Amino acid sequence: MTDQFSKKAEAWSARFTEPVSDLVKRYTASVFFDKRLAPYDIQGSLAHAEMLAAQGIISAQDRADIERGMAQIKSEIDAGTFEWLLDLEDVHLNIEKRLTELVGDAGKRLHTGRSRNDQVATDIRLYVRAAIDDIVGLLNSLRAALTDLAERHADTIMPGFTHLQVAQPITFGHHMLAYVEMFGRDLERMQDARRRVNRLPLGAAALAGTTFPIDRLRVAKTLGFEDVCHNSLDAVSDRDFAIEFTAAASLIMMHISRFSEELVMWISPRIGFIDIADRFCTGSSIMPQKKNPDVPELARGKTGRVYGHLNGLLVLMKGQPLAYNKDNQEDKEPLFDTIDTVTDTLRIFADMAGGITVKAENMRSAALQGYATATDLADYLVKKGLPFRDAHEAVAHAVRACDVAGCDLSEMALEKLREFSPLIEQDVFAVLSLEGSVAARDHVGGTAPNQVRKAIERVRKQLAE
């Protein structure tokens, strides 16, 4: 009888009268991208074998042989000597074939009580869980780098913008902490998604469970899962955990892209708020003076790539009946690429944030444009007893006069300011200064340097947990 795992036969070959064509093999095979699941496939198989032995479904010797064979396979994969065969379609059959070569019948018994359907679902969950843990660590590294930058510039004044117009003075430290908050929520989303990823499908078999007396909770505990998937149909066909992960990854990339857009603008000589370390930039093949912010520009582009993967996974799943369908093979490449893109991006951005040089004088000069302390003057008048709408109107007239005179509110003479309201006195100039403006916003969430330092202290406690 032909060995079911020979190069010319498939695991189901006895059912068919002709072999699969080479074109179909190439079209349906996943081994050359799903082989990255190998460590998790081995991990899941070892836990399955341990349970089978504990339940008396396979012998203790079979389990020992399986463990010995898997150790050999892992060493071959780590050394790059493992032979991946297209004929065997995927990572699971490749490993099982090699295991059978190494340990004989014990390798053939490993698949008792499971199917590739629940096997691959388990492997992917293990893989995504590990990826989430990596991403959480990388998010904290980026948050730490931005927090360090914020602390160095808790007093550095820059213009805050709405509609890309100068709005009010803020500190650069406060601006960086906005991204710390965004990436903090991203971290929370990843941790929350992890709970739903961390449920064991193994034991669902092909779709209906198995007739063998398996112990799914034992396998779940061995693999560190918090629970099992409680419906066998759902267990093998569900990919919403991958969609949820990709949605959370898309939000990370959205925040990365917003940050990137600001870095690209700020590094421009026309704005000149910052410089980025040379190792994150490139030059021009024709213009020797150029320093192009390639990393943030490319991150903006890669954001669209991740969005595309999210949409692709949603479309992939929307029309599938229960239970498993071959369509699901298409979940891996977008998921893998999303993980690669997000982890690489976070790693490089954490490094890049530490290499940002702030041009404080340029920021301060820009904050003096656009009458950034106009709201402070209105607040000043309200505190003197003028209704806010009347104060707003008076300041609007003062700004128009400054436009004509070509000066800032802080540069206007007291006598001229009093033409717009007799409530204005000499103490107004402390209010109209940039330092006075930011210092006055001394409440939780405000831009005052005192509050920026308190916020940094709060973030550092989070990072230490």
Protein backbone atom coordinates (compact mmCIF):
# COMPACT_ATOMS: atom_id res chain seq x y z
CA MET A 1 0.00 0.00 0.00
CA THR A 2 1.31 3.43 -0.90
CA ASP A 3 2.28 5.53 2.13
CA GLN A 4 -0.36 8.21 2.58
CA PHE A 5 2.35 10.81 3.11
CA SER A 6 4.50 10.05 0.06
CA LYS A 7 5.32 12.93 -2.25
CA LYS A 8 2.84 11.60 -4.82
CA ALA A 9 -0.09 11.11 -2.46
CA GLU A 10 -2.27 13.34 -0.32
CA ALA A 11 -3.74 12.72 3.13
CA TRP A 12 -7.08 11.97 1.46
CA SER A 13 -5.74 10.19 -1.67
CA ALA A 14 -7.61 6.91 -1.23
CA ARG A 15 -10.87 8.71 -2.04
CA PHE A 16 -9.76 9.87 -5.49
CA THR A 17 -9.01 8.17 -8.82
CA GLU A 18 -6.58 10.74 -10.18
CA PRO A 19 -3.96 13.01 -8.64
CA VAL A 20 -4.35 16.75 -8.20
CA SER A 21 -2.88 18.67 -11.10
CA ASP A 22 0.29 20.66 -10.59
CA LEU A 23 -1.58 23.90 -11.32
CA VAL A 24 -4.18 23.13 -8.68
CA LYS A 25 -1.45 22.23 -6.21
CA ARG A 26 0.16 25.62 -6.68
CA TYR A 27 -3.22 27.36 -6.54
CA THR A 28 -4.40 25.68 -3.35
CA ALA A 29 -1.14 25.30 -1.44
CA SER A 30 -0.39 27.54 1.51
CA VAL A 31 2.85 26.04 2.80
CA PHE A 32 5.12 28.79 1.56
CA PHE A 33 3.33 31.42 3.61
CA ASP A 34 1.79 29.44 6.46
CA LYS A 35 5.07 27.76 7.42
CA ARG A 36 5.59 30.65 9.82
CA LEU A 37 2.94 28.90 11.93
CA ALA A 38 5.29 25.95 12.47
CA PRO A 39 6.29 26.81 16.09
CA TYR A 40 2.63 27.13 17.03
CA ASP A 41 1.67 23.98 15.16
CA ILE A 42 4.30 22.09 17.13
CA GLN A 43 3.19 23.71 20.38
CA GLY A 44 -0.44 22.78 19.75
CA SER A 45 0.44 19.25 18.67
CA LEU A 46 2.48 18.61 21.80
CA ALA A 47 -0.38 19.77 24.01
CA HIS A 48 -2.78 17.57 22.03
CA ALA A 49 -0.47 14.56 22.38
CA GLU A 50 -0.10 15.13 26.11
CA MET A 51 -3.89 15.14 26.48
CA LEU A 52 -4.35 12.05 24.29
CA ALA A 53 -1.89 10.16 26.48
CA ALA A 54 -3.47 11.39 29.70
CA GLN A 55 -6.86 10.23 28.43
CA GLY A 56 -5.50 6.83 27.42
CA ILE A 57 -6.21 7.46 23.73
CA ILE A 58 -2.55 6.97 22.81
CA SER A 59 0.17 5.29 24.83
CA ALA A 60 2.81 6.99 26.94
CA GLN A 61 5.40 5.63 24.51
CA ASP A 62 3.58 7.21 21.56
CA ARG A 63 3.61 10.53 23.39
CA ALA A 64 7.34 10.21 24.13
CA ASP A 65 8.05 9.38 20.49
CA ILE A 66 5.97 12.34 19.32
CA GLU A 67 7.83 14.68 21.66
CA ARG A 68 11.17 13.34 20.48
CA GLY A 69 10.19 13.71 16.84
CA MET A 70 8.83 17.22 17.33
CA ALA A 71 12.06 18.28 19.01
CA GLN A 72 13.97 17.07 15.96
CA ILE A 73 11.59 18.86 13.59
CA LYS A 74 11.92 22.10 15.56
CA SER A 75 15.71 21.91 15.40
CA GLU A 76 15.56 21.32 11.64
CA ILE A 77 13.22 24.28 11.14
CA ASP A 78 15.39 26.51 13.31
CA ALA A 79 18.47 25.45 11.37
CA GLY A 80 16.76 26.01 8.02
CA THR A 81 17.25 22.41 6.93
CA PHE A 82 13.61 21.33 7.06
CA GLU A 83 12.31 20.38 3.59
CA TRP A 84 8.98 22.06 2.83
CA LEU A 85 7.06 20.17 0.15
CA LEU A 86 4.47 21.79 -2.10
CA ASP A 87 2.82 18.40 -2.61
CA LEU A 88 1.91 18.36 1.07
CA GLU A 89 0.01 21.62 0.73
CA ASP A 90 0.44 23.24 4.13
CA VAL A 91 2.54 23.50 7.27
CA HIS A 92 0.46 20.89 9.11
CA LEU A 93 0.88 18.03 6.64
CA ASN A 94 4.55 18.84 6.13
CA ILE A 95 5.23 18.53 9.84
CA GLU A 96 3.09 15.41 10.18
CA LYS A 97 4.89 13.72 7.27
CA ARG A 98 8.29 14.43 8.77
CA LEU A 99 7.10 13.28 12.20
CA THR A 100 5.93 10.00 10.70
CA GLU A 101 9.29 9.55 9.00
CA LEU A 102 11.02 10.06 12.33
CA VAL A 103 8.80 8.09 14.72
CA GLY A 104 6.61 5.87 12.57
CA ASP A 105 3.11 4.94 13.73
CA ALA A 106 3.20 7.31 16.71
CA GLY A 107 3.29 10.17 14.21
CA LYS A 108 0.23 8.77 12.46
CA ARG A 109 -1.65 8.57 15.77
CA LEU A 110 -1.09 12.24 16.59
CA HIS A 111 -4.02 13.36 14.46
CA THR A 112 -6.48 11.26 16.47
CA GLY A 113 -9.39 13.38 17.69
CA ARG A 114 -8.60 16.46 15.65
CA SER A 115 -8.89 17.86 12.12
CA ARG A 116 -6.81 20.33 10.22
CA ASN A 117 -9.82 22.63 10.63
CA ASP A 118 -9.48 22.98 14.39
CA GLN A 119 -5.71 22.55 14.16
CA VAL A 120 -5.19 25.59 11.94
CA ALA A 121 -7.69 27.66 13.94
CA THR A 122 -5.65 26.89 17.06
CA ASP A 123 -2.34 27.69 15.36
CA ILE A 124 -3.62 31.06 14.15
CA ARG A 125 -4.94 31.99 17.58
CA LEU A 126 -1.62 31.09 19.17
CA TYR A 127 0.18 33.15 16.53
CA VAL A 128 -2.10 36.18 16.88
CA ARG A 129 -1.89 35.99 20.67
CA ALA A 130 1.90 36.13 20.51
CA ALA A 131 1.70 38.99 18.00
CA ILE A 132 -0.58 40.96 20.32
CA ASP A 133 1.86 40.53 23.18
CA ASP A 134 4.67 41.82 20.95
CA ILE A 135 2.56 44.77 19.77
CA VAL A 136 1.60 45.71 23.33
CA GLY A 137 5.29 45.83 24.22
CA LEU A 138 6.10 47.91 21.15
CA LEU A 139 3.26 50.33 21.87
CA ASN A 140 4.67 50.84 25.35
CA SER A 141 8.13 51.42 23.88
CA LEU A 142 6.73 54.09 21.57
CA ARG A 143 4.73 55.65 24.39
CA ALA A 144 7.87 55.73 26.55
CA ALA A 145 9.87 57.42 23.79
CA LEU A 146 7.16 60.03 23.24
CA THR A 147 6.87 60.58 26.98
CA ASP A 148 10.61 61.20 27.21
CA LEU A 149 10.28 63.71 24.38
CA ALA A 150 7.34 65.37 26.13
CA GLU A 151 9.28 65.67 29.37
CA ARG A 152 12.20 67.37 27.63
CA HIS A 153 9.77 69.87 26.12
CA ALA A 154 7.16 70.38 28.82
CA ASP A 155 7.85 74.14 28.63
CA THR A 156 8.50 74.45 24.88
CA ILE A 157 5.77 76.60 23.37
CA MET A 158 4.32 75.94 19.94
CA PRO A 159 1.11 76.93 18.20
CA GLY A 160 -1.86 74.64 18.56
CA PHE A 161 -3.93 74.38 15.39
CA THR A 162 -7.51 73.92 14.36
CA HIS A 163 -8.28 73.81 10.63
CA LEU A 164 -4.47 74.05 10.24
CA GLN A 165 -4.79 77.66 11.42
CA VAL A 166 -3.02 78.99 14.51
CA ALA A 167 -5.51 78.61 17.35
CA GLN A 168 -3.93 78.85 20.82
CA PRO A 169 -0.49 78.39 22.33
CA ILE A 170 0.29 74.93 23.67
CA THR A 171 3.45 73.14 24.69
CA PHE A 172 5.20 70.61 22.51
CA GLY A 173 5.18 68.28 25.49
CA HIS A 174 1.39 68.50 25.61
CA HIS A 175 1.21 67.78 21.89
CA MET A 176 3.34 64.64 22.24
CA LEU A 177 1.21 63.44 25.13
CA ALA A 178 -1.83 63.51 22.83
CA TYR A 179 -0.20 60.68 20.86
CA VAL A 180 0.74 58.91 24.07
CA GLU A 181 -2.98 58.85 24.88
CA MET A 182 -3.90 57.59 21.40
CA PHE A 183 -1.40 54.77 21.53
CA GLY A 184 -2.55 53.99 25.07
CA ARG A 185 -6.08 53.38 23.80
CA ASP A 186 -4.61 51.25 21.00
CA LEU A 187 -2.88 49.18 23.66
CA GLU A 188 -6.15 48.76 25.56
CA ARG A 189 -7.91 47.61 22.38
CA MET A 190 -5.21 45.04 21.71
CA GLN A 191 -5.40 43.72 25.27
CA ASP A 192 -9.17 43.53 25.06
CA ALA A 193 -9.05 41.73 21.69
CA ARG A 194 -6.58 39.26 23.20
CA ARG A 195 -9.28 37.93 25.52
CA ARG A 196 -11.38 36.85 22.56
CA VAL A 197 -8.37 35.51 20.67
CA ASN A 198 -7.40 33.44 23.69
CA ARG A 199 -10.05 30.74 23.35
CA LEU A 200 -9.20 27.21 22.26
CA PRO A 201 -10.81 25.74 19.09
CA LEU A 202 -8.95 22.41 19.30
CA GLY A 203 -11.36 19.57 19.98
CA ALA A 204 -13.96 20.83 17.54
CA ALA A 205 -12.36 18.49 14.98
CA ALA A 206 -13.75 18.97 11.47
CA LEU A 207 -16.96 20.68 12.62
CA ALA A 208 -18.95 18.46 15.00
CA GLY A 209 -16.49 17.44 17.71
CA THR A 210 -15.02 13.98 18.10
CA THR A 211 -16.09 10.56 19.40
CA PHE A 212 -12.88 10.22 21.43
CA PRO A 213 -12.94 11.06 25.18
CA ILE A 214 -10.84 14.19 24.87
CA ASP A 215 -10.25 16.80 27.59
CA ARG A 216 -10.38 20.20 25.93
CA LEU A 217 -9.95 22.12 29.18
CA ARG A 218 -6.69 20.27 29.83
CA VAL A 219 -5.34 21.34 26.43
CA ALA A 220 -6.56 24.90 27.01
CA LYS A 221 -4.70 25.08 30.31
CA THR A 222 -1.54 23.61 28.79
CA LEU A 223 -1.55 26.19 25.99
CA GLY A 224 -2.48 29.11 28.23
CA PHE A 225 -5.94 29.68 26.78
CA GLU A 226 -8.47 31.31 29.09
CA ASP A 227 -11.40 29.29 27.75
CA VAL A 228 -12.49 26.98 24.95
CA CYS A 229 -14.69 27.83 21.98
CA HIS A 230 -18.06 26.51 23.11
CA ASN A 231 -19.56 25.58 19.74
CA SER A 232 -17.69 23.27 17.39
CA LEU A 233 -19.13 24.83 14.22
CA ASP A 234 -18.15 28.30 15.36
CA ALA A 235 -14.75 27.11 16.55
CA VAL A 236 -13.55 25.95 13.13
CA SER A 237 -15.20 28.63 10.99
CA ASP A 238 -14.80 31.76 13.12
CA ARG A 239 -12.29 34.33 11.98
CA ASP A 240 -13.82 37.38 13.61
CA PHE A 241 -10.96 37.38 16.11
CA ALA A 242 -8.59 37.99 13.19
CA ILE A 243 -10.86 40.74 11.86
CA GLU A 244 -11.03 42.36 15.30
CA PHE A 245 -7.26 42.22 15.58
CA THR A 246 -6.87 43.79 12.13
CA ALA A 247 -9.38 46.50 13.04
CA ALA A 248 -7.35 47.34 16.16
CA ALA A 249 -4.19 47.28 14.04
CA SER A 250 -5.84 49.67 11.57
CA LEU A 251 -6.50 52.13 14.39
CA ILE A 252 -2.85 51.93 15.42
CA MET A 253 -1.83 52.71 11.86
CA MET A 254 -4.34 55.56 11.68
CA HIS A 255 -2.66 57.16 14.69
CA ILE A 256 0.76 56.46 13.19
CA SER A 257 -0.38 58.12 9.98
CA ARG A 258 -1.62 61.25 11.76
CA PHE A 259 1.70 61.53 13.57
CA SER A 260 3.52 60.92 10.30
CA GLU A 261 1.61 63.71 8.58
CA GLU A 262 2.70 66.16 11.27
CA LEU A 263 6.31 65.01 11.13
CA VAL A 264 6.34 65.46 7.35
CA MET A 265 4.98 68.99 7.71
CA TRP A 266 7.17 69.93 10.65
CA ILE A 267 10.41 68.83 8.99
CA SER A 268 9.70 71.02 5.96
CA PRO A 269 11.94 74.13 5.92
CA ARG A 270 8.82 76.24 5.41
CA ILE A 271 7.73 75.22 8.92
CA GLY A 272 10.95 73.95 10.47
CA PHE A 273 9.64 72.82 13.84
CA ILE A 274 11.75 69.68 14.08
CA ASP A 275 14.48 67.63 12.51
CA ILE A 276 14.56 63.85 12.19
CA ALA A 277 17.75 61.82 12.54
CA ASP A 278 19.41 61.14 9.20
CA ARG A 279 19.04 57.37 9.54
CA PHE A 280 15.29 57.74 8.98
CA CYS A 281 15.58 59.89 5.88
CA THR A 282 16.94 59.68 2.34
CA GLY A 283 18.22 62.13 -0.24
CA SER A 284 17.40 62.83 -3.85
CA SER A 285 19.03 61.29 -6.90
CA ILE A 286 19.13 64.71 -8.57
CA MET A 287 18.74 67.39 -5.86
CA PRO A 288 21.70 67.21 -3.46
CA GLN A 289 20.12 69.49 -0.86
CA LYS A 290 17.13 67.25 -0.18
CA LYS A 291 16.41 65.42 3.07
CA ASN A 292 13.25 63.42 2.57
CA PRO A 293 11.27 62.04 5.55
CA ASP A 294 10.84 58.63 3.95
CA VAL A 295 9.87 56.71 7.09
CA PRO A 296 6.81 58.79 8.04
CA GLU A 297 5.82 59.10 4.39
CA LEU A 298 5.98 55.34 3.90
CA ALA A 299 4.09 54.76 7.14
CA ARG A 300 1.23 56.85 5.74
CA GLY A 301 1.20 54.59 2.70
CA LYS A 302 1.39 51.40 4.74
CA THR A 303 -1.65 52.57 6.69
CA GLY A 304 -3.72 52.14 3.54
CA ARG A 305 -2.24 48.68 3.12
CA VAL A 306 -3.49 47.62 6.56
CA TYR A 307 -6.92 49.18 5.91
CA GLY A 308 -7.06 47.08 2.74
CA HIS A 309 -6.35 43.91 4.72
CA LEU A 310 -9.19 44.73 7.12
CA ASN A 311 -11.61 45.23 4.27
CA GLY A 312 -10.35 42.07 2.56
CA LEU A 313 -10.95 39.95 5.66
CA LEU A 314 -14.45 41.36 6.10
CA VAL A 315 -15.32 40.57 2.50
CA LEU A 316 -13.70 37.13 2.79
CA MET A 317 -16.01 36.14 5.64
CA LYS A 318 -19.26 37.87 4.72
CA GLY A 319 -20.69 35.16 2.46
CA GLN A 320 -19.44 31.97 4.06
CA PRO A 321 -21.94 29.40 5.30
CA LEU A 322 -21.06 27.25 8.30
CA ALA A 323 -18.70 25.60 8.87
CA TYR A 324 -15.16 25.60 7.45
CA ASN A 325 -14.61 26.58 3.80
CA LYS A 326 -11.43 26.68 1.76
CA ASP A 327 -11.95 30.45 1.48
CA ASN A 328 -10.47 30.70 4.95
CA GLN A 329 -7.03 29.89 3.62
CA GLU A 330 -7.08 33.47 2.33
CA ASP A 331 -7.15 34.84 5.87
CA LYS A 332 -3.47 34.22 6.50
CA GLU A 333 -1.58 36.45 4.08
CA PRO A 334 -3.46 39.66 5.00
CA LEU A 335 -3.24 38.77 8.68
CA PHE A 336 0.47 37.98 8.48
CA ASP A 337 1.21 41.15 6.52
CA THR A 338 -0.79 43.25 8.98
CA ILE A 339 1.25 41.86 11.87
CA ASP A 340 4.53 42.41 10.01
CA THR A 341 3.58 45.95 9.02
CA VAL A 342 2.40 47.05 12.46
CA THR A 343 5.29 45.51 14.39
CA ASP A 344 7.93 46.91 12.02
CA THR A 345 6.29 50.33 12.04
CA LEU A 346 6.03 50.55 15.82
CA ARG A 347 9.61 49.38 16.25
CA ILE A 348 11.01 51.99 13.89
CA PHE A 349 8.79 54.80 15.23
CA ALA A 350 9.91 54.18 18.80
CA ASP A 351 13.49 54.59 17.61
CA MET A 352 12.66 57.58 15.44
CA ALA A 353 10.84 59.41 18.25
CA GLY A 354 14.02 59.30 20.29
CA GLY A 355 15.88 60.97 17.42
CA ILE A 356 13.59 64.00 17.00
CA THR A 357 15.33 67.34 17.43
CA VAL A 358 12.99 70.21 18.37
CA LYS A 359 13.60 73.71 16.99
CA ALA A 360 12.06 75.61 19.88
CA GLU A 361 12.65 79.13 18.53
CA ASN A 362 10.85 78.34 15.29
CA MET A 363 7.92 76.95 17.26
CA ARG A 364 7.78 80.03 19.43
CA SER A 365 7.92 82.37 16.45
CA ALA A 366 5.07 80.49 14.82
CA ALA A 367 3.01 80.75 18.01
CA LEU A 368 3.31 84.53 17.81
CA GLN A 369 1.55 84.46 14.46
CA GLY A 370 -2.20 84.34 14.09
CA TYR A 371 -3.14 86.07 17.37
CA ALA A 372 -2.89 82.87 19.37
CA THR A 373 -3.73 84.62 22.66
CA ALA A 374 -6.99 86.19 21.45
CA THR A 375 -9.05 83.73 23.49
CA ASP A 376 -7.00 84.66 26.56
CA LEU A 377 -7.97 88.30 26.07
CA ALA A 378 -11.64 87.32 25.81
CA ASP A 379 -11.34 85.23 28.99
CA TYR A 380 -9.64 88.19 30.69
CA LEU A 381 -12.60 90.44 29.89
CA VAL A 382 -15.09 87.82 31.09
CA LYS A 383 -13.25 87.64 34.41
CA LYS A 384 -13.62 91.42 34.58
CA GLY A 385 -17.40 91.03 34.31
CA LEU A 386 -18.08 91.31 30.58
CA PRO A 387 -20.44 88.66 29.10
CA PHE A 388 -18.50 86.21 26.94
CA ARG A 389 -20.25 87.08 23.69
CA ASP A 390 -19.53 90.78 24.23
CA ALA A 391 -15.92 89.94 25.11
CA HIS A 392 -15.65 87.80 21.97
CA GLU A 393 -16.88 90.72 19.85
CA ALA A 394 -14.52 93.22 21.47
CA VAL A 395 -11.51 90.98 20.87
CA ALA A 396 -12.56 90.41 17.26
CA HIS A 397 -12.41 94.17 16.72
CA ALA A 398 -8.99 94.29 18.40
CA VAL A 399 -7.68 91.53 16.12
CA ARG A 400 -8.94 93.40 13.08
CA ALA A 401 -7.07 96.50 14.25
CA CYS A 402 -3.92 94.43 14.73
CA ASP A 403 -4.32 93.12 11.18
CA VAL A 404 -4.33 96.67 9.88
CA ALA A 405 -1.43 97.76 12.09
CA GLY A 406 0.60 94.62 11.41
CA CYS A 407 1.19 93.83 15.07
CA ASP A 408 0.33 91.20 17.65
CA LEU A 409 -2.18 91.79 20.44
CA SER A 410 0.67 91.74 22.95
CA GLU A 411 2.39 94.52 20.99
CA MET A 412 -0.58 96.88 20.97
CA ALA A 413 -0.37 99.85 23.35
CA LEU A 414 -2.59 99.80 26.43
CA GLU A 415 -4.40 102.95 25.33
CA LYS A 416 -5.26 101.35 22.00
CA LEU A 417 -6.48 98.12 23.65
CA ARG A 418 -8.72 100.14 25.96
CA GLU A 419 -10.54 101.49 22.90
CA PHE A 420 -12.10 98.03 22.60
CA SER A 421 -13.00 97.74 26.30
CA PRO A 422 -12.41 100.11 29.23
CA LEU A 423 -12.06 97.02 31.45
CA ILE A 424 -8.59 96.36 30.04
CA GLU A 425 -5.79 97.34 32.42
CA GLN A 426 -2.01 96.99 32.63
CA ASP A 427 -2.25 93.41 33.90
CA VAL A 428 -3.54 92.33 30.48
CA PHE A 429 -0.03 91.92 29.13
CA ALA A 430 0.69 89.00 31.43
CA VAL A 431 -2.39 87.35 29.95
CA LEU A 432 -1.32 88.06 26.38
CA SER A 433 2.11 86.47 26.73
CA LEU A 434 2.62 82.97 25.39
CA GLU A 435 3.91 81.74 28.75
CA GLY A 436 0.95 83.27 30.55
CA SER A 437 -1.46 81.69 28.12
CA VAL A 438 -0.21 78.13 28.57
CA ALA A 439 0.35 78.48 32.32
CA ALA A 440 -3.25 79.63 32.80
CA ARG A 441 -4.60 76.28 31.54
CA ASP A 442 -3.63 74.56 34.76
CA HIS A 443 -6.19 71.78 35.10
CA VAL A 444 -6.30 68.06 34.35
CA GLY A 445 -5.78 67.65 30.62
CA GLY A 446 -4.62 71.22 30.15
CA THR A 447 -1.46 72.38 28.40
CA ALA A 448 0.14 74.11 31.40
CA PRO A 449 3.68 72.80 31.95
CA ASN A 450 2.67 71.87 35.49
CA GLN A 451 -0.12 69.65 34.10
CA VAL A 452 2.14 68.21 31.42
CA ARG A 453 4.53 67.02 34.11
CA LYS A 454 1.68 65.51 36.13
CA ALA A 455 0.46 63.72 33.01
CA ILE A 456 3.96 62.40 32.38
CA GLU A 457 4.10 61.07 35.92
CA ARG A 458 0.78 59.29 35.37
CA VAL A 459 2.01 57.72 32.12
CA ARG A 460 5.26 56.58 33.70
CA LYS A 461 3.27 54.76 36.39
CA GLN A 462 1.26 53.03 33.65
CA LEU A 463 4.42 52.01 31.85
CA ALA A 464 5.90 50.60 35.06
CA GLU A 465 2.89 48.35 35.71
